[in-house]
């Protein structure tokens, strides 16, 4: 992971945002179960954090023992809907999922079980992760500023009524 991603996590991580470290053995079991090799950037993230993310972004991964982990559960579910076997699901956004290629250049695509269309979104897992985190951080900061404005406006209105 690059330093920018680590800084974002450090600055915005809250209690229970991440499952926690995953062992090498658990990662290997996941790979065997899905019949893939995890790309290096994703492997590094899952090994350190297990699964999870900041500010509502929930990266699928390994939660303890391989049986029933989020990456296996969602990937198998989408494979039943014809997701090509070279992809693993890394984020479920309800109407579509973000998937990571486990071959070639390890790109991230957006895929829908309805259209079956593969739309390339990012060239690497780290690019996807950094962009996803930055987007929610920006939205989070806008919300905080909006709440401050409402409070300021409400206080000014109160003061005007009291005068």
N, C-alpha and C. Protein backbone atom coordinates (compact mmCIF):
# COMPACT_ATOMS: atom_id res chain seq x y z
N UNK A 1 0.84 -1.18 0.00
CA UNK A 1 0.00 0.00 0.00
C UNK A 1 0.88 1.24 0.00
N UNK A 2 0.41 2.24 -0.68
CA UNK A 2 1.20 3.46 -0.70
C UNK A 2 0.95 4.30 0.56
N UNK A 3 1.82 5.26 0.78
CA UNK A 3 1.74 6.09 2.00
C UNK A 3 0.45 6.88 2.08
N UNK A 4 -0.10 7.32 0.95
CA UNK A 4 -1.34 8.09 0.96
C UNK A 4 -2.49 7.25 1.54
N UNK A 5 -2.57 5.99 1.11
CA UNK A 5 -3.62 5.10 1.63
C UNK A 5 -3.43 4.90 3.13
N UNK A 6 -2.21 4.65 3.55
CA UNK A 6 -1.93 4.45 4.98
C UNK A 6 -2.27 5.70 5.79
N UNK A 7 -2.01 6.89 5.25
CA UNK A 7 -2.35 8.14 5.93
C UNK A 7 -3.86 8.30 6.05
N UNK A 8 -4.59 7.96 5.00
CA UNK A 8 -6.05 8.04 5.05
C UNK A 8 -6.60 7.12 6.13
N UNK A 9 -6.10 5.91 6.16
CA UNK A 9 -6.57 4.95 7.16
C UNK A 9 -6.23 5.46 8.55
N UNK A 10 -5.02 5.93 8.74
CA UNK A 10 -4.59 6.43 10.04
C UNK A 10 -5.43 7.62 10.50
N UNK A 11 -5.79 8.49 9.56
CA UNK A 11 -6.54 9.70 9.90
C UNK A 11 -8.03 9.48 10.12
N UNK A 12 -8.59 8.43 9.55
CA UNK A 12 -10.04 8.25 9.59
C UNK A 12 -10.51 6.93 10.18
N UNK A 13 -9.60 6.07 10.56
CA UNK A 13 -9.98 4.77 11.10
C UNK A 13 -10.71 4.94 12.44
N UNK A 14 -11.79 4.20 12.57
CA UNK A 14 -12.53 4.15 13.82
C UNK A 14 -12.54 2.72 14.32
N UNK A 15 -12.91 2.55 15.57
CA UNK A 15 -12.96 1.22 16.18
C UNK A 15 -13.84 0.29 15.35
N UNK A 16 -13.35 -0.88 15.08
CA UNK A 16 -14.06 -1.95 14.38
C UNK A 16 -14.29 -1.68 12.90
N UNK A 17 -13.51 -0.75 12.30
CA UNK A 17 -13.59 -0.53 10.86
C UNK A 17 -13.00 -1.70 10.08
N UNK A 18 -12.05 -2.39 10.70
CA UNK A 18 -11.36 -3.50 10.05
C UNK A 18 -11.51 -4.76 10.89
N UNK A 19 -11.52 -5.91 10.20
CA UNK A 19 -11.63 -7.18 10.93
C UNK A 19 -10.34 -7.49 11.69
N UNK A 20 -9.21 -7.23 11.08
CA UNK A 20 -7.92 -7.53 11.68
C UNK A 20 -7.10 -8.44 10.79
N UNK A 21 -5.86 -8.60 11.13
CA UNK A 21 -4.91 -9.33 10.31
C UNK A 21 -5.41 -10.72 9.91
N UNK A 22 -5.02 -11.12 8.70
CA UNK A 22 -5.31 -12.46 8.21
C UNK A 22 -3.98 -13.21 8.07
N UNK A 23 -3.97 -14.45 8.46
CA UNK A 23 -2.74 -15.25 8.39
C UNK A 23 -2.46 -15.67 6.95
N UNK A 24 -1.22 -15.98 6.68
CA UNK A 24 -0.83 -16.49 5.37
C UNK A 24 -1.60 -17.77 5.05
N UNK A 25 -1.80 -18.60 6.06
CA UNK A 25 -2.54 -19.86 5.86
C UNK A 25 -3.98 -19.58 5.43
N UNK A 26 -4.61 -18.59 6.05
CA UNK A 26 -5.99 -18.25 5.69
C UNK A 26 -6.05 -17.71 4.26
N UNK A 27 -5.07 -16.90 3.89
CA UNK A 27 -5.03 -16.38 2.52
C UNK A 27 -4.90 -17.50 1.51
N UNK A 28 -4.02 -18.44 1.79
CA UNK A 28 -3.81 -19.57 0.88
C UNK A 28 -5.09 -20.39 0.77
N UNK A 29 -5.78 -20.62 1.89
CA UNK A 29 -7.05 -21.36 1.85
C UNK A 29 -8.08 -20.65 0.98
N UNK A 30 -8.13 -19.32 1.08
CA UNK A 30 -9.05 -18.52 0.26
C UNK A 30 -8.72 -18.70 -1.21
N UNK A 31 -7.45 -18.60 -1.53
CA UNK A 31 -7.02 -18.73 -2.93
C UNK A 31 -7.37 -20.12 -3.47
N UNK A 32 -7.12 -21.13 -2.67
CA UNK A 32 -7.47 -22.50 -3.09
C UNK A 32 -8.98 -22.62 -3.28
N UNK A 33 -9.74 -22.08 -2.34
CA UNK A 33 -11.20 -22.15 -2.43
C UNK A 33 -11.75 -21.46 -3.67
N UNK A 34 -11.13 -20.36 -4.06
CA UNK A 34 -11.59 -19.61 -5.23
C UNK A 34 -10.85 -19.99 -6.52
N UNK A 35 -9.82 -20.82 -6.37
CA UNK A 35 -8.99 -21.25 -7.50
C UNK A 35 -8.35 -20.06 -8.22
N UNK A 36 -7.78 -19.14 -7.44
CA UNK A 36 -7.08 -17.97 -7.97
C UNK A 36 -5.86 -17.69 -7.10
N UNK A 37 -5.01 -16.80 -7.58
CA UNK A 37 -3.94 -16.22 -6.76
C UNK A 37 -4.27 -14.76 -6.58
N UNK A 38 -4.30 -14.30 -5.33
CA UNK A 38 -4.61 -12.90 -5.08
C UNK A 38 -3.50 -12.00 -5.63
N UNK A 39 -3.87 -10.89 -6.26
CA UNK A 39 -2.86 -9.92 -6.70
C UNK A 39 -2.09 -9.38 -5.49
N UNK A 40 -0.82 -9.03 -5.68
CA UNK A 40 0.02 -8.60 -4.55
C UNK A 40 -0.54 -7.44 -3.71
N UNK A 41 -1.10 -6.41 -4.34
CA UNK A 41 -1.61 -5.26 -3.58
C UNK A 41 -2.81 -5.66 -2.72
N UNK A 42 -3.70 -6.47 -3.26
CA UNK A 42 -4.86 -6.93 -2.49
C UNK A 42 -4.40 -7.85 -1.36
N UNK A 43 -3.48 -8.74 -1.67
CA UNK A 43 -2.93 -9.67 -0.66
C UNK A 43 -2.35 -8.88 0.51
N UNK A 44 -1.60 -7.83 0.22
CA UNK A 44 -0.99 -7.01 1.27
C UNK A 44 -2.06 -6.37 2.15
N UNK A 45 -3.11 -5.83 1.53
CA UNK A 45 -4.20 -5.19 2.26
C UNK A 45 -4.92 -6.19 3.17
N UNK A 46 -5.28 -7.34 2.59
CA UNK A 46 -6.03 -8.34 3.35
C UNK A 46 -5.17 -8.93 4.47
N UNK A 47 -3.91 -9.12 4.21
CA UNK A 47 -3.03 -9.66 5.24
C UNK A 47 -2.97 -8.70 6.45
N UNK A 48 -2.92 -7.40 6.17
CA UNK A 48 -2.82 -6.40 7.24
C UNK A 48 -4.16 -6.12 7.93
N UNK A 49 -5.26 -6.05 7.13
CA UNK A 49 -6.54 -5.60 7.67
C UNK A 49 -7.63 -6.67 7.70
N UNK A 50 -7.46 -7.76 6.99
CA UNK A 50 -8.49 -8.79 6.92
C UNK A 50 -9.59 -8.40 5.96
N UNK A 51 -10.41 -7.47 6.37
CA UNK A 51 -11.46 -6.89 5.54
C UNK A 51 -11.87 -5.58 6.20
N UNK A 52 -12.67 -4.79 5.49
CA UNK A 52 -13.14 -3.53 6.05
C UNK A 52 -12.52 -2.34 5.36
N UNK A 53 -12.80 -1.16 5.90
CA UNK A 53 -12.32 0.08 5.32
C UNK A 53 -12.71 1.25 6.19
N UNK A 54 -12.59 2.44 5.64
CA UNK A 54 -12.89 3.66 6.41
C UNK A 54 -14.12 4.37 5.84
N UNK A 55 -14.78 5.11 6.69
CA UNK A 55 -15.89 5.99 6.31
C UNK A 55 -16.98 5.28 5.50
N UNK A 56 -17.19 4.00 5.77
CA UNK A 56 -18.26 3.28 5.11
C UNK A 56 -17.84 2.44 3.92
N UNK A 57 -16.61 2.59 3.43
CA UNK A 57 -16.13 1.71 2.36
C UNK A 57 -15.81 0.36 3.01
N UNK A 58 -16.36 -0.72 2.47
CA UNK A 58 -16.18 -2.04 3.07
C UNK A 58 -15.53 -2.98 2.05
N UNK A 59 -14.21 -3.12 2.14
CA UNK A 59 -13.47 -4.00 1.25
C UNK A 59 -13.63 -5.43 1.74
N UNK A 60 -14.08 -6.30 0.85
CA UNK A 60 -14.27 -7.70 1.21
C UNK A 60 -12.93 -8.40 1.33
N UNK A 61 -12.84 -9.35 2.24
CA UNK A 61 -11.58 -10.04 2.45
C UNK A 61 -11.74 -11.29 3.28
N UNK A 62 -10.79 -11.47 4.19
CA UNK A 62 -10.71 -12.68 5.02
C UNK A 62 -11.01 -12.30 6.46
N UNK A 63 -11.97 -13.00 7.04
CA UNK A 63 -12.32 -12.78 8.44
C UNK A 63 -12.05 -14.07 9.20
N UNK A 64 -10.87 -14.19 9.74
CA UNK A 64 -10.50 -15.39 10.49
C UNK A 64 -10.30 -16.58 9.58
N UNK A 65 -10.98 -17.66 9.86
CA UNK A 65 -10.86 -18.87 9.04
C UNK A 65 -11.52 -18.64 7.68
N UNK A 66 -11.01 -19.32 6.68
CA UNK A 66 -11.46 -19.11 5.30
C UNK A 66 -12.93 -19.45 5.09
N UNK A 67 -13.45 -20.41 5.82
CA UNK A 67 -14.82 -20.86 5.61
C UNK A 67 -15.79 -19.72 5.90
N UNK A 68 -16.50 -19.26 4.88
CA UNK A 68 -17.50 -18.23 5.07
C UNK A 68 -17.00 -16.80 5.02
N UNK A 69 -15.79 -16.57 4.56
CA UNK A 69 -15.27 -15.21 4.50
C UNK A 69 -16.02 -14.40 3.44
N UNK A 70 -15.96 -13.08 3.57
CA UNK A 70 -16.74 -12.21 2.70
C UNK A 70 -16.31 -12.30 1.24
N UNK A 71 -15.01 -12.42 0.97
CA UNK A 71 -14.56 -12.49 -0.43
C UNK A 71 -15.03 -13.79 -1.08
N UNK A 72 -15.01 -14.88 -0.36
CA UNK A 72 -15.49 -16.15 -0.92
C UNK A 72 -17.01 -16.11 -1.11
N UNK A 73 -17.71 -15.67 -0.09
CA UNK A 73 -19.18 -15.64 -0.15
C UNK A 73 -19.68 -14.81 -1.34
N UNK A 74 -19.17 -13.59 -1.48
CA UNK A 74 -19.65 -12.71 -2.55
C UNK A 74 -19.17 -13.16 -3.93
N UNK A 75 -17.93 -13.65 -4.01
CA UNK A 75 -17.41 -14.09 -5.30
C UNK A 75 -18.18 -15.32 -5.79
N UNK A 76 -18.42 -16.28 -4.91
CA UNK A 76 -19.18 -17.47 -5.30
C UNK A 76 -20.61 -17.10 -5.70
N UNK A 77 -21.20 -16.18 -4.98
CA UNK A 77 -22.56 -15.73 -5.30
C UNK A 77 -22.60 -15.13 -6.71
N UNK A 78 -21.63 -14.28 -7.02
CA UNK A 78 -21.61 -13.62 -8.33
C UNK A 78 -21.18 -14.58 -9.45
N UNK A 79 -20.38 -15.57 -9.12
CA UNK A 79 -20.02 -16.57 -10.14
C UNK A 79 -21.25 -17.35 -10.58
N UNK A 80 -22.19 -17.55 -9.66
CA UNK A 80 -23.45 -18.21 -10.03
C UNK A 80 -24.27 -17.34 -10.98
N UNK A 81 -23.97 -16.03 -11.01
CA UNK A 81 -24.62 -15.10 -11.93
C UNK A 81 -23.76 -14.85 -13.17
N UNK A 82 -22.74 -15.70 -13.36
CA UNK A 82 -21.86 -15.66 -14.55
C UNK A 82 -20.68 -14.69 -14.45
N UNK A 83 -20.26 -14.31 -13.25
CA UNK A 83 -19.02 -13.54 -13.13
C UNK A 83 -17.87 -14.43 -13.60
N UNK A 84 -17.05 -13.95 -14.52
CA UNK A 84 -15.91 -14.77 -14.97
C UNK A 84 -15.00 -15.17 -13.81
N UNK A 85 -14.45 -16.37 -13.89
CA UNK A 85 -13.69 -16.96 -12.81
C UNK A 85 -12.40 -16.21 -12.46
N UNK A 86 -11.92 -15.38 -13.36
CA UNK A 86 -10.67 -14.65 -13.11
C UNK A 86 -10.86 -13.49 -12.13
N UNK A 87 -12.10 -13.16 -11.79
CA UNK A 87 -12.37 -12.04 -10.89
C UNK A 87 -12.74 -12.50 -9.49
N UNK A 88 -12.38 -11.66 -8.51
CA UNK A 88 -12.88 -11.81 -7.14
C UNK A 88 -13.64 -10.53 -6.80
N UNK A 89 -14.69 -10.65 -6.03
CA UNK A 89 -15.49 -9.48 -5.63
C UNK A 89 -14.80 -8.82 -4.44
N UNK A 90 -14.52 -7.51 -4.58
CA UNK A 90 -13.84 -6.80 -3.49
C UNK A 90 -14.73 -5.76 -2.81
N UNK A 91 -15.85 -5.40 -3.45
CA UNK A 91 -16.80 -4.50 -2.80
C UNK A 91 -18.17 -4.70 -3.42
N UNK A 92 -19.19 -4.84 -2.58
CA UNK A 92 -20.56 -5.00 -3.02
C UNK A 92 -21.28 -3.67 -2.85
N UNK A 93 -21.76 -3.11 -3.96
CA UNK A 93 -22.47 -1.84 -3.93
C UNK A 93 -23.94 -2.07 -4.30
N UNK A 94 -24.46 -3.23 -3.95
CA UNK A 94 -25.83 -3.66 -4.18
C UNK A 94 -26.15 -3.86 -5.67
N UNK A 95 -26.38 -2.77 -6.42
CA UNK A 95 -26.77 -2.94 -7.82
C UNK A 95 -25.60 -3.39 -8.70
N UNK A 96 -24.39 -3.26 -8.21
CA UNK A 96 -23.22 -3.77 -8.92
C UNK A 96 -22.13 -4.08 -7.90
N UNK A 97 -21.06 -4.71 -8.38
CA UNK A 97 -19.92 -5.03 -7.51
C UNK A 97 -18.64 -4.55 -8.18
N UNK A 98 -17.65 -4.26 -7.35
CA UNK A 98 -16.30 -4.02 -7.85
C UNK A 98 -15.55 -5.34 -7.74
N UNK A 99 -14.88 -5.68 -8.83
CA UNK A 99 -14.15 -6.95 -8.89
C UNK A 99 -12.71 -6.68 -9.28
N UNK A 100 -11.84 -7.53 -8.77
CA UNK A 100 -10.41 -7.43 -9.04
C UNK A 100 -9.99 -8.62 -9.89
N UNK A 101 -9.31 -8.34 -10.99
CA UNK A 101 -8.80 -9.41 -11.84
C UNK A 101 -7.63 -10.08 -11.13
N UNK A 102 -7.60 -11.38 -11.19
CA UNK A 102 -6.51 -12.13 -10.57
C UNK A 102 -5.49 -12.59 -11.61
N UNK A 103 -5.67 -12.14 -12.83
CA UNK A 103 -4.72 -12.43 -13.91
C UNK A 103 -4.39 -11.14 -14.64
N UNK A 104 -3.41 -11.21 -15.50
CA UNK A 104 -3.02 -10.08 -16.34
C UNK A 104 -2.55 -8.90 -15.51
N UNK A 105 -3.20 -7.75 -15.66
CA UNK A 105 -2.73 -6.52 -15.04
C UNK A 105 -3.40 -6.20 -13.70
N UNK A 106 -4.22 -7.07 -13.19
CA UNK A 106 -4.90 -6.89 -11.90
C UNK A 106 -5.78 -5.63 -11.86
N UNK A 107 -6.50 -5.39 -12.94
CA UNK A 107 -7.38 -4.23 -13.00
C UNK A 107 -8.62 -4.45 -12.14
N UNK A 108 -9.30 -3.34 -11.82
CA UNK A 108 -10.55 -3.38 -11.08
C UNK A 108 -11.66 -3.00 -12.05
N UNK A 109 -12.70 -3.82 -12.06
CA UNK A 109 -13.85 -3.56 -12.92
C UNK A 109 -15.11 -3.38 -12.08
N UNK A 110 -16.11 -2.80 -12.72
CA UNK A 110 -17.45 -2.76 -12.15
C UNK A 110 -18.26 -3.78 -12.94
N UNK A 111 -19.03 -4.61 -12.23
CA UNK A 111 -19.77 -5.68 -12.88
C UNK A 111 -21.17 -5.77 -12.30
N UNK A 112 -22.13 -5.98 -13.18
CA UNK A 112 -23.52 -6.14 -12.78
C UNK A 112 -24.00 -7.53 -13.16
N UNK A 113 -24.67 -8.19 -12.24
CA UNK A 113 -25.24 -9.50 -12.51
C UNK A 113 -26.38 -9.45 -13.52
N UNK A 114 -26.92 -8.27 -13.76
CA UNK A 114 -28.01 -8.12 -14.72
C UNK A 114 -27.47 -7.99 -16.14
N UNK A 115 -26.56 -7.03 -16.34
CA UNK A 115 -26.05 -6.78 -17.70
C UNK A 115 -24.85 -7.66 -18.05
N UNK A 116 -24.17 -8.19 -17.04
CA UNK A 116 -22.95 -9.00 -17.21
C UNK A 116 -21.82 -8.19 -17.86
N UNK A 117 -21.97 -6.89 -17.88
CA UNK A 117 -20.97 -6.03 -18.52
C UNK A 117 -19.78 -5.79 -17.58
N UNK A 118 -18.57 -5.90 -18.13
CA UNK A 118 -17.34 -5.63 -17.39
C UNK A 118 -16.85 -4.24 -17.78
N UNK A 119 -16.93 -3.30 -16.84
CA UNK A 119 -16.50 -1.93 -17.12
C UNK A 119 -15.23 -1.67 -16.33
N UNK A 120 -14.13 -1.47 -17.05
CA UNK A 120 -12.86 -1.21 -16.38
C UNK A 120 -12.92 0.15 -15.69
N UNK A 121 -12.55 0.15 -14.39
CA UNK A 121 -12.61 1.39 -13.60
C UNK A 121 -11.24 1.85 -13.13
N UNK A 122 -10.38 0.91 -12.76
CA UNK A 122 -9.07 1.26 -12.24
C UNK A 122 -8.03 0.27 -12.75
N UNK A 123 -6.80 0.73 -12.86
CA UNK A 123 -5.74 -0.14 -13.38
C UNK A 123 -5.09 -0.98 -12.29
N UNK A 124 -5.24 -0.58 -11.01
CA UNK A 124 -4.67 -1.36 -9.90
C UNK A 124 -5.60 -1.31 -8.70
N UNK A 125 -5.41 -2.24 -7.78
CA UNK A 125 -6.17 -2.25 -6.53
C UNK A 125 -5.87 -0.98 -5.72
N UNK A 126 -4.60 -0.59 -5.64
CA UNK A 126 -4.26 0.61 -4.87
C UNK A 126 -4.90 1.87 -5.44
N UNK A 127 -4.99 1.97 -6.76
CA UNK A 127 -5.65 3.12 -7.37
C UNK A 127 -7.13 3.14 -6.97
N UNK A 128 -7.77 1.98 -7.04
CA UNK A 128 -9.17 1.86 -6.63
C UNK A 128 -9.34 2.23 -5.15
N UNK A 129 -8.48 1.69 -4.31
CA UNK A 129 -8.59 1.91 -2.88
C UNK A 129 -8.40 3.38 -2.53
N UNK A 130 -7.38 3.99 -3.09
CA UNK A 130 -7.11 5.39 -2.81
C UNK A 130 -8.25 6.28 -3.29
N UNK A 131 -8.78 6.03 -4.48
CA UNK A 131 -9.88 6.83 -5.00
C UNK A 131 -11.15 6.63 -4.17
N UNK A 132 -11.45 5.39 -3.80
CA UNK A 132 -12.64 5.11 -2.99
C UNK A 132 -12.56 5.79 -1.64
N UNK A 133 -11.41 5.67 -0.99
CA UNK A 133 -11.22 6.30 0.32
C UNK A 133 -11.29 7.83 0.20
N UNK A 134 -10.64 8.39 -0.84
CA UNK A 134 -10.63 9.84 -0.99
C UNK A 134 -12.04 10.38 -1.22
N UNK A 135 -12.82 9.67 -2.00
CA UNK A 135 -14.20 10.11 -2.27
C UNK A 135 -15.03 10.16 -0.99
N UNK A 136 -14.94 9.12 -0.16
CA UNK A 136 -15.75 9.13 1.08
C UNK A 136 -15.21 10.14 2.09
N UNK A 137 -13.89 10.34 2.10
CA UNK A 137 -13.32 11.36 2.99
C UNK A 137 -13.82 12.74 2.57
N UNK A 138 -13.82 13.02 1.28
CA UNK A 138 -14.33 14.31 0.80
C UNK A 138 -15.79 14.50 1.18
N UNK A 139 -16.59 13.45 1.00
CA UNK A 139 -18.01 13.53 1.37
C UNK A 139 -18.18 13.71 2.87
N UNK A 140 -17.36 13.01 3.65
CA UNK A 140 -17.40 13.12 5.10
C UNK A 140 -17.10 14.55 5.53
N UNK A 141 -16.07 15.14 4.96
CA UNK A 141 -15.68 16.51 5.32
C UNK A 141 -16.74 17.51 4.89
N UNK A 142 -17.37 17.30 3.73
CA UNK A 142 -18.47 18.18 3.30
C UNK A 142 -19.62 18.12 4.29
N UNK A 143 -19.94 16.90 4.76
CA UNK A 143 -21.03 16.73 5.72
C UNK A 143 -20.70 17.46 7.03
N UNK A 144 -19.46 17.34 7.50
CA UNK A 144 -19.05 18.02 8.73
C UNK A 144 -19.19 19.53 8.56
N UNK A 145 -18.72 20.06 7.43
CA UNK A 145 -18.83 21.50 7.17
C UNK A 145 -20.28 21.93 7.06
N UNK A 146 -21.13 21.11 6.46
CA UNK A 146 -22.55 21.40 6.33
C UNK A 146 -23.19 21.49 7.72
N UNK A 147 -22.85 20.53 8.58
CA UNK A 147 -23.39 20.55 9.95
C UNK A 147 -22.94 21.78 10.71
N UNK A 148 -21.70 22.20 10.50
CA UNK A 148 -21.20 23.42 11.15
C UNK A 148 -21.97 24.64 10.67
N UNK A 149 -22.25 24.71 9.38
CA UNK A 149 -23.02 25.83 8.83
C UNK A 149 -24.43 25.86 9.39
N UNK A 150 -25.06 24.70 9.49
CA UNK A 150 -26.42 24.63 10.05
C UNK A 150 -26.41 25.12 11.49
N UNK A 151 -25.41 24.67 12.25
CA UNK A 151 -25.31 25.08 13.65
C UNK A 151 -25.10 26.59 13.75
N UNK A 152 -24.22 27.12 12.92
CA UNK A 152 -23.96 28.56 12.92
C UNK A 152 -25.21 29.33 12.54
N UNK A 153 -25.93 28.88 11.51
CA UNK A 153 -27.15 29.52 11.07
C UNK A 153 -28.22 29.47 12.16
N UNK A 154 -28.36 28.32 12.79
CA UNK A 154 -29.35 28.15 13.86
C UNK A 154 -29.02 29.05 15.04
N UNK A 155 -27.76 29.14 15.42
CA UNK A 155 -27.35 30.02 16.53
C UNK A 155 -27.60 31.49 16.19
N UNK A 156 -27.33 31.89 14.95
CA UNK A 156 -27.58 33.27 14.54
C UNK A 156 -29.08 33.58 14.54
N UNK A 157 -29.89 32.61 14.09
CA UNK A 157 -31.33 32.79 14.09
C UNK A 157 -31.86 32.95 15.52
N UNK A 158 -31.35 32.12 16.44
CA UNK A 158 -31.74 32.20 17.85
C UNK A 158 -31.42 33.57 18.41
N UNK A 159 -30.20 34.02 18.12
CA UNK A 159 -29.77 35.32 18.62
C UNK A 159 -30.66 36.43 18.09
N UNK A 160 -31.03 36.36 16.79
CA UNK A 160 -31.90 37.37 16.19
C UNK A 160 -33.28 37.36 16.85
N UNK A 161 -33.79 36.18 17.19
CA UNK A 161 -35.10 36.09 17.82
C UNK A 161 -35.07 36.64 19.24
N UNK A 162 -33.93 36.47 19.93
CA UNK A 162 -33.80 36.95 21.30
C UNK A 162 -33.60 38.44 21.38
N UNK A 163 -33.20 39.06 20.28
CA UNK A 163 -32.95 40.52 20.30
C UNK A 163 -34.21 41.31 20.13
